[in-house]
Amino acid sequence: MNPRIVQVKPLQGYKLSLEFSNGEKGVYDCSPLLSFGVFREIKDQDYFSKVKVQYGTVAWPHEQDICPDTLYMDSKRDARK
């Protein structure tokens, strides 16, 4: 099982700054999701900024979420750890 999310911060350009349960940090780019179904709503920057950690992953108020395994595998992590 991959690490889970313990902290999230929205960044410019539809990116999320993430901290994982193993102490690693990474940045996940949400922009490829913006044209898909329920994720269209996160195009609104005010709504995008309402992201929070929920059950080890990231979620928005209207129940959009991203699989924590996807967040871990597809994020760009700092190799200086």
PDB file of N, CA and C in Angstrom:
ATOM      1  N   MET A   1       0.843  -1.182   0.000  1.00  0.00           N
ATOM      2  CA  MET A   1       0.000   0.000   0.000  1.00  0.00           C
ATOM      3  C   MET A   1       0.888   1.245   0.000  1.00  0.00           C
ATOM      4  N   ASN A   2       0.546   2.185  -0.845  1.00  0.00           N
ATOM      5  CA  ASN A   2       1.282   3.446  -0.908  1.00  0.00           C
ATOM      6  C   ASN A   2       0.919   4.343   0.269  1.00  0.00           C
ATOM      7  N   PRO A   3       1.787   5.306   0.581  1.00  0.00           N
ATOM      8  CA  PRO A   3       1.492   6.252   1.661  1.00  0.00           C
ATOM      9  C   PRO A   3       0.217   7.049   1.383  1.00  0.00           C
ATOM     10  N   ARG A   4      -0.371   7.540   2.413  1.00  0.00           N
ATOM     11  CA  ARG A   4      -1.581   8.351   2.307  1.00  0.00           C
ATOM     12  C   ARG A   4      -1.237   9.822   2.511  1.00  0.00           C
ATOM     13  N   ILE A   5      -2.191  10.675   2.199  1.00  0.00           N
ATOM     14  CA  ILE A   5      -2.012  12.119   2.310  1.00  0.00           C
ATOM     15  C   ILE A   5      -2.268  12.553   3.754  1.00  0.00           C
ATOM     16  N   VAL A   6      -1.371  13.377   4.291  1.00  0.00           N
ATOM     17  CA  VAL A   6      -1.584  13.928   5.634  1.00  0.00           C
ATOM     18  C   VAL A   6      -1.753  15.446   5.594  1.00  0.00           C
ATOM     19  N   GLN A   7      -1.331  16.078   4.477  1.00  0.00           N
ATOM     20  CA  GLN A   7      -1.473  17.527   4.355  1.00  0.00           C
ATOM     21  C   GLN A   7      -1.563  17.893   2.883  1.00  0.00           C
ATOM     22  N   VAL A   8      -2.418  18.881   2.574  1.00  0.00           N
ATOM     23  CA  VAL A   8      -2.561  19.365   1.202  1.00  0.00           C
ATOM     24  C   VAL A   8      -2.654  20.885   1.215  1.00  0.00           C
ATOM     25  N   LYS A   9      -2.071  21.485   0.184  1.00  0.00           N
ATOM     26  CA  LYS A   9      -2.151  22.933   0.009  1.00  0.00           C
ATOM     27  C   LYS A   9      -2.346  23.191  -1.482  1.00  0.00           C
ATOM     28  N   PRO A  10      -3.387  23.954  -1.854  1.00  0.00           N
ATOM     29  CA  PRO A  10      -3.580  24.271  -3.264  1.00  0.00           C
ATOM     30  C   PRO A  10      -2.524  25.271  -3.746  1.00  0.00           C
ATOM     31  N   LEU A  11      -2.053  25.072  -4.972  1.00  0.00           N
ATOM     32  CA  LEU A  11      -1.063  25.950  -5.595  1.00  0.00           C
ATOM     33  C   LEU A  11      -1.638  26.529  -6.888  1.00  0.00           C
ATOM     34  N   GLN A  12      -0.967  27.519  -7.436  1.00  0.00           N
ATOM     35  CA  GLN A  12      -1.359  28.068  -8.735  1.00  0.00           C
ATOM     36  C   GLN A  12      -1.272  26.993  -9.804  1.00  0.00           C
ATOM     37  N   GLY A  13      -2.048  27.156 -10.877  1.00  0.00           N
ATOM     38  CA  GLY A  13      -1.966  26.247 -12.000  1.00  0.00           C
ATOM     39  C   GLY A  13      -2.591  24.891 -11.750  1.00  0.00           C
ATOM     40  N   TYR A  14      -3.554  24.830 -10.832  1.00  0.00           N
ATOM     41  CA  TYR A  14      -4.263  23.586 -10.503  1.00  0.00           C
ATOM     42  C   TYR A  14      -3.328  22.489 -10.010  1.00  0.00           C
ATOM     43  N   LYS A  15      -2.371  22.883  -9.203  1.00  0.00           N
ATOM     44  CA  LYS A  15      -1.455  21.919  -8.598  1.00  0.00           C
ATOM     45  C   LYS A  15      -1.734  21.833  -7.105  1.00  0.00           C
ATOM     46  N   LEU A  16      -1.404  20.682  -6.543  1.00  0.00           N
ATOM     47  CA  LEU A  16      -1.556  20.457  -5.108  1.00  0.00           C
ATOM     48  C   LEU A  16      -0.203  20.127  -4.499  1.00  0.00           C
ATOM     49  N   SER A  17       0.156  20.825  -3.446  1.00  0.00           N
ATOM     50  CA  SER A  17       1.329  20.483  -2.660  1.00  0.00           C
ATOM     51  C   SER A  17       0.882  19.453  -1.637  1.00  0.00           C
ATOM     52  N   LEU A  18       1.556  18.305  -1.628  1.00  0.00           N
ATOM     53  CA  LEU A  18       1.133  17.180  -0.801  1.00  0.00           C
ATOM     54  C   LEU A  18       2.221  16.761   0.176  1.00  0.00           C
ATOM     55  N   GLU A  19       1.802  16.346   1.357  1.00  0.00           N
ATOM     56  CA  GLU A  19       2.698  15.664   2.289  1.00  0.00           C
ATOM     57  C   GLU A  19       2.101  14.285   2.532  1.00  0.00           C
ATOM     58  N   PHE A  20       2.957  13.267   2.389  1.00  0.00           N
ATOM     59  CA  PHE A  20       2.521  11.885   2.526  1.00  0.00           C
ATOM     60  C   PHE A  20       2.845  11.345   3.919  1.00  0.00           C
ATOM     61  N   SER A  21       2.184  10.265   4.279  1.00  0.00           N
ATOM     62  CA  SER A  21       2.339   9.679   5.609  1.00  0.00           C
ATOM     63  C   SER A  21       3.741   9.129   5.860  1.00  0.00           C
ATOM     64  N   ASN A  22       4.542   8.943   4.821  1.00  0.00           N
ATOM     65  CA  ASN A  22       5.920   8.483   5.001  1.00  0.00           C
ATOM     66  C   ASN A  22       6.904   9.650   5.091  1.00  0.00           C
ATOM     67  N   GLY A  23       6.394  10.878   5.126  1.00  0.00           N
ATOM     68  CA  GLY A  23       7.235  12.063   5.250  1.00  0.00           C
ATOM     69  C   GLY A  23       7.641  12.694   3.928  1.00  0.00           C
ATOM     70  N   GLU A  24       7.411  12.008   2.823  1.00  0.00           N
ATOM     71  CA  GLU A  24       7.746  12.580   1.519  1.00  0.00           C
ATOM     72  C   GLU A  24       6.789  13.712   1.180  1.00  0.00           C
ATOM     73  N   LYS A  25       7.265  14.622   0.325  1.00  0.00           N
ATOM     74  CA  LYS A  25       6.436  15.721  -0.157  1.00  0.00           C
ATOM     75  C   LYS A  25       6.451  15.691  -1.672  1.00  0.00           C
ATOM     76  N   GLY A  26       5.343  16.115  -2.254  1.00  0.00           N
ATOM     77  CA  GLY A  26       5.261  16.116  -3.701  1.00  0.00           C
ATOM     78  C   GLY A  26       4.264  17.137  -4.195  1.00  0.00           C
ATOM     79  N   VAL A  27       4.241  17.289  -5.518  1.00  0.00           N
ATOM     80  CA  VAL A  27       3.296  18.186  -6.174  1.00  0.00           C
ATOM     81  C   VAL A  27       2.548  17.382  -7.226  1.00  0.00           C
ATOM     82  N   TYR A  28       1.228  17.449  -7.158  1.00  0.00           N
ATOM     83  CA  TYR A  28       0.376  16.753  -8.114  1.00  0.00           C
ATOM     84  C   TYR A  28      -0.335  17.778  -8.987  1.00  0.00           C
ATOM     85  N   ASP A  29      -0.301  17.572 -10.296  1.00  0.00           N
ATOM     86  CA  ASP A  29      -0.932  18.465 -11.259  1.00  0.00           C
ATOM     87  C   ASP A  29      -2.336  17.959 -11.580  1.00  0.00           C
ATOM     88  N   CYS A  30      -3.350  18.710 -11.184  1.00  0.00           N
ATOM     89  CA  CYS A  30      -4.741  18.335 -11.431  1.00  0.00           C
ATOM     90  C   CYS A  30      -5.246  18.782 -12.798  1.00  0.00           C
ATOM     91  N   SER A  31      -4.488  19.583 -13.526  1.00  0.00           N
ATOM     92  CA  SER A  31      -5.000  20.155 -14.775  1.00  0.00           C
ATOM     93  C   SER A  31      -5.467  19.118 -15.797  1.00  0.00           C
ATOM     94  N   PRO A  32      -4.861  17.923 -15.915  1.00  0.00           N
ATOM     95  CA  PRO A  32      -5.390  16.952 -16.870  1.00  0.00           C
ATOM     96  C   PRO A  32      -6.800  16.442 -16.533  1.00  0.00           C
ATOM     97  N   LEU A  33      -7.245  16.639 -15.306  1.00  0.00           N
ATOM     98  CA  LEU A  33      -8.566  16.163 -14.887  1.00  0.00           C
ATOM     99  C   LEU A  33      -9.691  17.144 -15.185  1.00  0.00           C
ATOM    100  N   LEU A  34      -9.364  18.388 -15.492  1.00  0.00           N
ATOM    101  CA  LEU A  34     -10.354  19.463 -15.525  1.00  0.00           C
ATOM    102  C   LEU A  34     -11.456  19.303 -16.567  1.00  0.00           C
ATOM    103  N   SER A  35     -11.262  18.479 -17.560  1.00  0.00           N
ATOM    104  CA  SER A  35     -12.297  18.311 -18.584  1.00  0.00           C
ATOM    105  C   SER A  35     -13.117  17.032 -18.380  1.00  0.00           C
ATOM    106  N   PHE A  36     -12.913  16.337 -17.279  1.00  0.00           N
ATOM    107  CA  PHE A  36     -13.609  15.084 -17.013  1.00  0.00           C
ATOM    108  C   PHE A  36     -14.720  15.255 -15.977  1.00  0.00           C
ATOM    109  N   GLY A  37     -15.946  14.966 -16.384  1.00  0.00           N
ATOM    110  CA  GLY A  37     -17.102  14.866 -15.510  1.00  0.00           C
ATOM    111  C   GLY A  37     -17.100  15.715 -14.266  1.00  0.00           C
ATOM    112  N   VAL A  38     -17.075  15.047 -13.117  1.00  0.00           N
ATOM    113  CA  VAL A  38     -17.202  15.744 -11.833  1.00  0.00           C
ATOM    114  C   VAL A  38     -16.041  16.688 -11.548  1.00  0.00           C
ATOM    115  N   PHE A  39     -14.919  16.508 -12.211  1.00  0.00           N
ATOM    116  CA  PHE A  39     -13.761  17.366 -11.946  1.00  0.00           C
ATOM    117  C   PHE A  39     -13.854  18.721 -12.639  1.00  0.00           C
ATOM    118  N   ARG A  40     -14.807  18.893 -13.542  1.00  0.00           N
ATOM    119  CA  ARG A  40     -14.960  20.196 -14.210  1.00  0.00           C
ATOM    120  C   ARG A  40     -15.178  21.318 -13.198  1.00  0.00           C
ATOM    121  N   GLU A  41     -15.826  21.003 -12.098  1.00  0.00           N
ATOM    122  CA  GLU A  41     -16.123  22.017 -11.080  1.00  0.00           C
ATOM    123  C   GLU A  41     -14.850  22.595 -10.456  1.00  0.00           C
ATOM    124  N   ILE A  42     -13.769  21.823 -10.417  1.00  0.00           N
ATOM    125  CA  ILE A  42     -12.558  22.339  -9.780  1.00  0.00           C
ATOM    126  C   ILE A  42     -11.812  23.341 -10.671  1.00  0.00           C
ATOM    127  N   LYS A  43     -12.317  23.604 -11.890  1.00  0.00           N
ATOM    128  CA  LYS A  43     -11.759  24.675 -12.725  1.00  0.00           C
ATOM    129  C   LYS A  43     -11.914  26.032 -12.042  1.00  0.00           C
ATOM    130  N   ASP A  44     -12.953  26.162 -11.239  1.00  0.00           N
ATOM    131  CA  ASP A  44     -13.182  27.400 -10.485  1.00  0.00           C
ATOM    132  C   ASP A  44     -12.108  27.490  -9.402  1.00  0.00           C
ATOM    133  N   GLN A  45     -11.253  28.498  -9.492  1.00  0.00           N
ATOM    134  CA  GLN A  45     -10.125  28.629  -8.558  1.00  0.00           C
ATOM    135  C   GLN A  45     -10.575  28.715  -7.103  1.00  0.00           C
ATOM    136  N   ASP A  46     -11.684  29.411  -6.846  1.00  0.00           N
ATOM    137  CA  ASP A  46     -12.180  29.497  -5.465  1.00  0.00           C
ATOM    138  C   ASP A  46     -12.574  28.111  -4.949  1.00  0.00           C
ATOM    139  N   TYR A  47     -13.225  27.336  -5.801  1.00  0.00           N
ATOM    140  CA  TYR A  47     -13.618  25.986  -5.411  1.00  0.00           C
ATOM    141  C   TYR A  47     -12.386  25.085  -5.271  1.00  0.00           C
ATOM    142  N   PHE A  48     -11.455  25.197  -6.209  1.00  0.00           N
ATOM    143  CA  PHE A  48     -10.224  24.405  -6.149  1.00  0.00           C
ATOM    144  C   PHE A  48      -9.507  24.611  -4.816  1.00  0.00           C
ATOM    145  N   SER A  49      -9.518  25.846  -4.335  1.00  0.00           N
ATOM    146  CA  SER A  49      -8.806  26.162  -3.092  1.00  0.00           C
ATOM    147  C   SER A  49      -9.471  25.573  -1.851  1.00  0.00           C
ATOM    148  N   LYS A  50     -10.649  24.986  -1.987  1.00  0.00           N
ATOM    149  CA  LYS A  50     -11.348  24.380  -0.848  1.00  0.00           C
ATOM    150  C   LYS A  50     -10.945  22.923  -0.619  1.00  0.00           C
ATOM    151  N   VAL A  51      -9.905  22.481  -1.286  1.00  0.00           N
ATOM    152  CA  VAL A  51      -9.434  21.102  -1.129  1.00  0.00           C
ATOM    153  C   VAL A  51      -9.018  20.846   0.323  1.00  0.00           C
ATOM    154  N   LYS A  52      -9.235  19.609   0.780  1.00  0.00           N
ATOM    155  CA  LYS A  52      -8.850  19.239   2.144  1.00  0.00           C
ATOM    156  C   LYS A  52      -8.446  17.765   2.162  1.00  0.00           C
ATOM    157  N   VAL A  53      -7.805  17.376   3.231  1.00  0.00           N
ATOM    158  CA  VAL A  53      -7.467  15.964   3.429  1.00  0.00           C
ATOM    159  C   VAL A  53      -8.681  15.268   4.037  1.00  0.00           C
ATOM    160  N   GLN A  54      -9.031  14.135   3.446  1.00  0.00           N
ATOM    161  CA  GLN A  54     -10.162  13.360   3.960  1.00  0.00           C
ATOM    162  C   GLN A  54      -9.877  11.886   3.719  1.00  0.00           C
ATOM    163  N   TYR A  55      -9.857  11.110   4.775  1.00  0.00           N
ATOM    164  CA  TYR A  55      -9.633   9.660   4.694  1.00  0.00           C
ATOM    165  C   TYR A  55      -8.354   9.295   3.940  1.00  0.00           C
ATOM    166  N   GLY A  56      -7.300  10.067   4.163  1.00  0.00           N
ATOM    167  CA  GLY A  56      -6.003   9.747   3.578  1.00  0.00           C
ATOM    168  C   GLY A  56      -5.810  10.170   2.146  1.00  0.00           C
ATOM    169  N   THR A  57      -6.741  10.939   1.617  1.00  0.00           N
ATOM    170  CA  THR A  57      -6.600  11.463   0.263  1.00  0.00           C
ATOM    171  C   THR A  57      -7.069  12.913   0.244  1.00  0.00           C
ATOM    172  N   VAL A  58      -7.178  13.489  -0.946  1.00  0.00           N
ATOM    173  CA  VAL A  58      -7.671  14.861  -1.065  1.00  0.00           C
ATOM    174  C   VAL A  58      -9.105  14.826  -1.555  1.00  0.00           C
ATOM    175  N   ALA A  59      -9.911  15.798  -1.105  1.00  0.00           N
ATOM    176  CA  ALA A  59     -11.316  15.857  -1.497  1.00  0.00           C
ATOM    177  C   ALA A  59     -11.783  17.308  -1.503  1.00  0.00           C
ATOM    178  N   TRP A  60     -12.833  17.549  -2.286  1.00  0.00           N
ATOM    179  CA  TRP A  60     -13.466  18.858  -2.351  1.00  0.00           C
ATOM    180  C   TRP A  60     -14.874  18.734  -1.785  1.00  0.00           C
ATOM    181  N   PRO A  61     -15.535  19.863  -1.503  1.00  0.00           N
ATOM    182  CA  PRO A  61     -16.835  19.830  -0.824  1.00  0.00           C
ATOM    183  C   PRO A  61     -17.928  19.008  -1.508  1.00  0.00           C
ATOM    184  N   HIS A  62     -17.918  18.907  -2.825  1.00  0.00           N
ATOM    185  CA  HIS A  62     -18.968  18.164  -3.523  1.00  0.00           C
ATOM    186  C   HIS A  62     -18.536  16.739  -3.851  1.00  0.00           C
ATOM    187  N   GLU A  63     -17.665  16.214  -3.021  1.00  0.00           N
ATOM    188  CA  GLU A  63     -17.253  14.809  -3.018  1.00  0.00           C
ATOM    189  C   GLU A  63     -16.325  14.385  -4.157  1.00  0.00           C
ATOM    190  N   GLN A  64     -15.720  15.340  -4.867  1.00  0.00           N
ATOM    191  CA  GLN A  64     -14.680  14.943  -5.800  1.00  0.00           C
ATOM    192  C   GLN A  64     -13.464  14.531  -4.983  1.00  0.00           C
ATOM    193  N   ASP A  65     -12.829  13.438  -5.375  1.00  0.00           N
ATOM    194  CA  ASP A  65     -11.600  13.026  -4.714  1.00  0.00           C
ATOM    195  C   ASP A  65     -10.705  12.330  -5.733  1.00  0.00           C
ATOM    196  N   ILE A  66      -9.465  12.137  -5.354  1.00  0.00           N
ATOM    197  CA  ILE A  66      -8.483  11.483  -6.217  1.00  0.00           C
ATOM    198  C   ILE A  66      -7.885  10.336  -5.423  1.00  0.00           C
ATOM    199  N   CYS A  67      -7.760   9.201  -6.057  1.00  0.00           N
ATOM    200  CA  CYS A  67      -7.205   8.021  -5.401  1.00  0.00           C
ATOM    201  C   CYS A  67      -5.837   8.349  -4.795  1.00  0.00           C
ATOM    202  N   PRO A  68      -5.607   8.016  -3.534  1.00  0.00           N
ATOM    203  CA  PRO A  68      -4.317   8.330  -2.916  1.00  0.00           C
ATOM    204  C   PRO A  68      -3.150   7.623  -3.600  1.00  0.00           C
ATOM    205  N   ASP A  69      -3.380   6.453  -4.165  1.00  0.00           N
ATOM    206  CA  ASP A  69      -2.311   5.767  -4.898  1.00  0.00           C
ATOM    207  C   ASP A  69      -1.914   6.562  -6.145  1.00  0.00           C
ATOM    208  N   THR A  70      -2.905   7.120  -6.833  1.00  0.00           N
ATOM    209  CA  THR A  70      -2.634   7.961  -8.001  1.00  0.00           C
ATOM    210  C   THR A  70      -1.841   9.192  -7.593  1.00  0.00           C
ATOM    211  N   LEU A  71      -2.245   9.817  -6.500  1.00  0.00           N
ATOM    212  CA  LEU A  71      -1.538  11.008  -6.022  1.00  0.00           C
ATOM    213  C   LEU A  71      -0.072  10.688  -5.738  1.00  0.00           C
ATOM    214  N   TYR A  72       0.170   9.553  -5.117  1.00  0.00           N
ATOM    215  CA  TYR A  72       1.547   9.184  -4.772  1.00  0.00           C
ATOM    216  C   TYR A  72       2.354   8.826  -6.016  1.00  0.00           C
ATOM    217  N   MET A  73       1.796   7.993  -6.864  1.00  0.00           N
ATOM    218  CA  MET A  73       2.550   7.519  -8.033  1.00  0.00           C
ATOM    219  C   MET A  73       2.773   8.606  -9.079  1.00  0.00           C
ATOM    220  N   ASP A  74       1.825   9.536  -9.217  1.00  0.00           N
ATOM    221  CA  ASP A  74       1.917  10.543 -10.269  1.00  0.00           C
ATOM    222  C   ASP A  74       2.420  11.902  -9.799  1.00  0.00           C
ATOM    223  N   SER A  75       2.700  12.067  -8.522  1.00  0.00           N
ATOM    224  CA  SER A  75       3.209  13.354  -8.045  1.00  0.00           C
ATOM    225  C   SER A  75       4.714  13.451  -8.308  1.00  0.00           C
ATOM    226  N   LYS A  76       5.149  14.678  -8.456  1.00  0.00           N
ATOM    227  CA  LYS A  76       6.592  14.929  -8.577  1.00  0.00           C
ATOM    228  C   LYS A  76       7.102  15.176  -7.178  1.00  0.00           C
ATOM    229  N   ARG A  77       7.976  14.269  -6.715  1.00  0.00           N
ATOM    230  CA  ARG A  77       8.483  14.367  -5.347  1.00  0.00           C
ATOM    231  C   ARG A  77       9.889  14.931  -5.321  1.00  0.00           C
ATOM    232  N   ASP A  78      10.209  15.547  -4.213  1.00  0.00           N
ATOM    233  CA  ASP A  78      11.515  16.149  -3.995  1.00  0.00           C
ATOM    234  C   ASP A  78      12.529  15.029  -3.769  1.00  0.00           C
ATOM    235  N   ALA A  79      13.491  14.916  -4.642  1.00  0.00           N
ATOM    236  CA  ALA A  79      14.498  13.851  -4.564  1.00  0.00           C
ATOM    237  C   ALA A  79      15.601  14.158  -3.548  1.00  0.00           C
ATOM    238  N   ARG A  80      15.568  15.328  -2.927  1.00  0.00           N
ATOM    239  CA  ARG A  80      16.609  15.714  -1.968  1.00  0.00           C
ATOM    240  C   ARG A  80      16.370  15.145  -0.588  1.00  0.00           C
ATOM    241  N   LYS A  81      15.370  14.356  -0.383  1.00  0.00           N
ATOM    242  CA  LYS A  81      15.017  13.818   0.943  1.00  0.00           C
ATOM    243  C   LYS A  81      16.149  13.013   1.544  1.00  0.00           C
TER     244      LYS A  81
END
